[in-house]
Amino acid sequence: MTFSVCLKGEQTAMAIASEMPLLDDEGRVMAVRCPAAGCGAVVDLINGRLDRHFVRGQECRTSGVPVMVGEG
């Protein structure tokens, strides 16, 4: 499974999930592991964006960024 995130002002980053993401009953992705260095939290996807989450007491820079999920 691959997914990509695009931070404002940066190129799209592609990440490969080493495990299957959490899926709902219809096969849609509900959560993925955050690709940010030093984070790795399992984060809910809300309307195609990573939900707000924290790393080391601060909001992770990938909070709210759009995510593209695909097989790879």
C-alpha atoms as a PDB file:
ATOM      1  CA  MET A   1       0.000   0.000   0.000  1.00  0.00           C
ATOM      2  CA  THR A   2       1.348   3.426  -0.871  1.00  0.00           C
ATOM      3  CA  PHE A   3       0.117   6.849   0.067  1.00  0.00           C
ATOM      4  CA  SER A   4       1.337  10.348  -0.513  1.00  0.00           C
ATOM      5  CA  VAL A   5       1.055  13.587   1.398  1.00  0.00           C
ATOM      6  CA  CYS A   6       1.713  17.118   0.220  1.00  0.00           C
ATOM      7  CA  LEU A   7       2.797  19.766   2.701  1.00  0.00           C
ATOM      8  CA  LYS A   8       2.195  23.399   1.789  1.00  0.00           C
ATOM      9  CA  GLY A   9       5.101  24.704  -0.260  1.00  0.00           C
ATOM     10  CA  GLU A  10       6.689  21.263  -0.593  1.00  0.00           C
ATOM     11  CA  GLN A  11       6.591  18.474  -3.132  1.00  0.00           C
ATOM     12  CA  THR A  12       4.248  15.558  -2.645  1.00  0.00           C
ATOM     13  CA  ALA A  13       5.847  12.890  -0.479  1.00  0.00           C
ATOM     14  CA  MET A  14       5.140   9.245  -1.264  1.00  0.00           C
ATOM     15  CA  ALA A  15       5.223   6.706   1.543  1.00  0.00           C
ATOM     16  CA  ILE A  16       4.874   2.948   1.535  1.00  0.00           C
ATOM     17  CA  ALA A  17       2.878   1.432   4.372  1.00  0.00           C
ATOM     18  CA  SER A  18       4.503  -1.731   5.688  1.00  0.00           C
ATOM     19  CA  GLU A  19       1.174  -2.850   7.059  1.00  0.00           C
ATOM     20  CA  MET A  20      -2.353  -2.702   5.750  1.00  0.00           C
ATOM     21  CA  PRO A  21      -4.177   0.514   6.682  1.00  0.00           C
ATOM     22  CA  LEU A  22      -7.406   0.359   8.647  1.00  0.00           C
ATOM     23  CA  LEU A  23     -10.376  -0.064   6.297  1.00  0.00           C
ATOM     24  CA  ASP A  24     -14.096   0.464   6.804  1.00  0.00           C
ATOM     25  CA  ASP A  25     -16.801  -2.011   5.749  1.00  0.00           C
ATOM     26  CA  GLU A  26     -16.786  -0.623   2.198  1.00  0.00           C
ATOM     27  CA  GLY A  27     -13.011  -0.913   1.791  1.00  0.00           C
ATOM     28  CA  ARG A  28     -12.255   2.791   2.214  1.00  0.00           C
ATOM     29  CA  VAL A  29      -9.114   3.716   4.139  1.00  0.00           C
ATOM     30  CA  MET A  30      -9.941   4.991   7.631  1.00  0.00           C
ATOM     31  CA  ALA A  31      -6.411   5.463   9.044  1.00  0.00           C
ATOM     32  CA  VAL A  32      -2.755   5.254   8.022  1.00  0.00           C
ATOM     33  CA  ARG A  33       0.577   5.497   9.818  1.00  0.00           C
ATOM     34  CA  CYS A  34       1.939   9.060   9.698  1.00  0.00           C
ATOM     35  CA  PRO A  35       4.919   9.291   7.300  1.00  0.00           C
ATOM     36  CA  ALA A  36       6.588  12.210   9.135  1.00  0.00           C
ATOM     37  CA  ALA A  37      10.081  11.469  10.426  1.00  0.00           C
ATOM     38  CA  GLY A  38       9.961  10.767  14.141  1.00  0.00           C
ATOM     39  CA  CYS A  39       6.172  10.431  14.289  1.00  0.00           C
ATOM     40  CA  GLY A  40       4.748   7.142  13.001  1.00  0.00           C
ATOM     41  CA  ALA A  41       1.390   7.558  14.779  1.00  0.00           C
ATOM     42  CA  VAL A  42      -1.648   5.775  13.368  1.00  0.00           C
ATOM     43  CA  VAL A  43      -3.802   8.691  12.234  1.00  0.00           C
ATOM     44  CA  ASP A  44      -7.455   8.830  11.178  1.00  0.00           C
ATOM     45  CA  LEU A  45      -8.270  10.118   7.706  1.00  0.00           C
ATOM     46  CA  ILE A  46     -11.059  12.682   7.756  1.00  0.00           C
ATOM     47  CA  ASN A  47     -12.341  13.867   4.386  1.00  0.00           C
ATOM     48  CA  GLY A  48      -9.086  12.713   2.749  1.00  0.00           C
ATOM     49  CA  ARG A  49      -6.825  14.521   5.223  1.00  0.00           C
ATOM     50  CA  LEU A  50      -4.696  13.347   8.132  1.00  0.00           C
ATOM     51  CA  ASP A  51      -6.428  14.126  11.418  1.00  0.00           C
ATOM     52  CA  ARG A  52      -4.757  16.450  13.909  1.00  0.00           C
ATOM     53  CA  HIS A  53      -2.174  14.558  15.955  1.00  0.00           C
ATOM     54  CA  PHE A  54       0.859  15.239  18.096  1.00  0.00           C
ATOM     55  CA  VAL A  55       4.500  14.141  18.222  1.00  0.00           C
ATOM     56  CA  ARG A  56       6.688  14.942  21.234  1.00  0.00           C
ATOM     57  CA  GLY A  57       4.038  17.262  22.662  1.00  0.00           C
ATOM     58  CA  GLN A  58       3.676  19.406  19.533  1.00  0.00           C
ATOM     59  CA  GLU A  59       1.204  19.190  16.693  1.00  0.00           C
ATOM     60  CA  CYS A  60       2.678  17.083  13.891  1.00  0.00           C
ATOM     61  CA  ARG A  61       3.397  19.037  10.704  1.00  0.00           C
ATOM     62  CA  THR A  62       1.337  16.541   8.679  1.00  0.00           C
ATOM     63  CA  SER A  63      -1.871  17.315  10.609  1.00  0.00           C
ATOM     64  CA  GLY A  64      -4.544  18.309   8.119  1.00  0.00           C
ATOM     65  CA  VAL A  65      -2.568  17.582   4.948  1.00  0.00           C
ATOM     66  CA  PRO A  66      -4.322  15.797   2.051  1.00  0.00           C
ATOM     67  CA  VAL A  67      -3.513  12.123   1.563  1.00  0.00           C
ATOM     68  CA  MET A  68      -3.644  10.026  -1.608  1.00  0.00           C
ATOM     69  CA  VAL A  69      -3.885   6.275  -0.992  1.00  0.00           C
ATOM     70  CA  GLY A  70      -3.235   3.631  -3.620  1.00  0.00           C
ATOM     71  CA  GLU A  71      -1.999   0.104  -4.038  1.00  0.00           C
ATOM     72  CA  GLY A  72       1.654  -0.326  -4.722  1.00  0.00           C
END
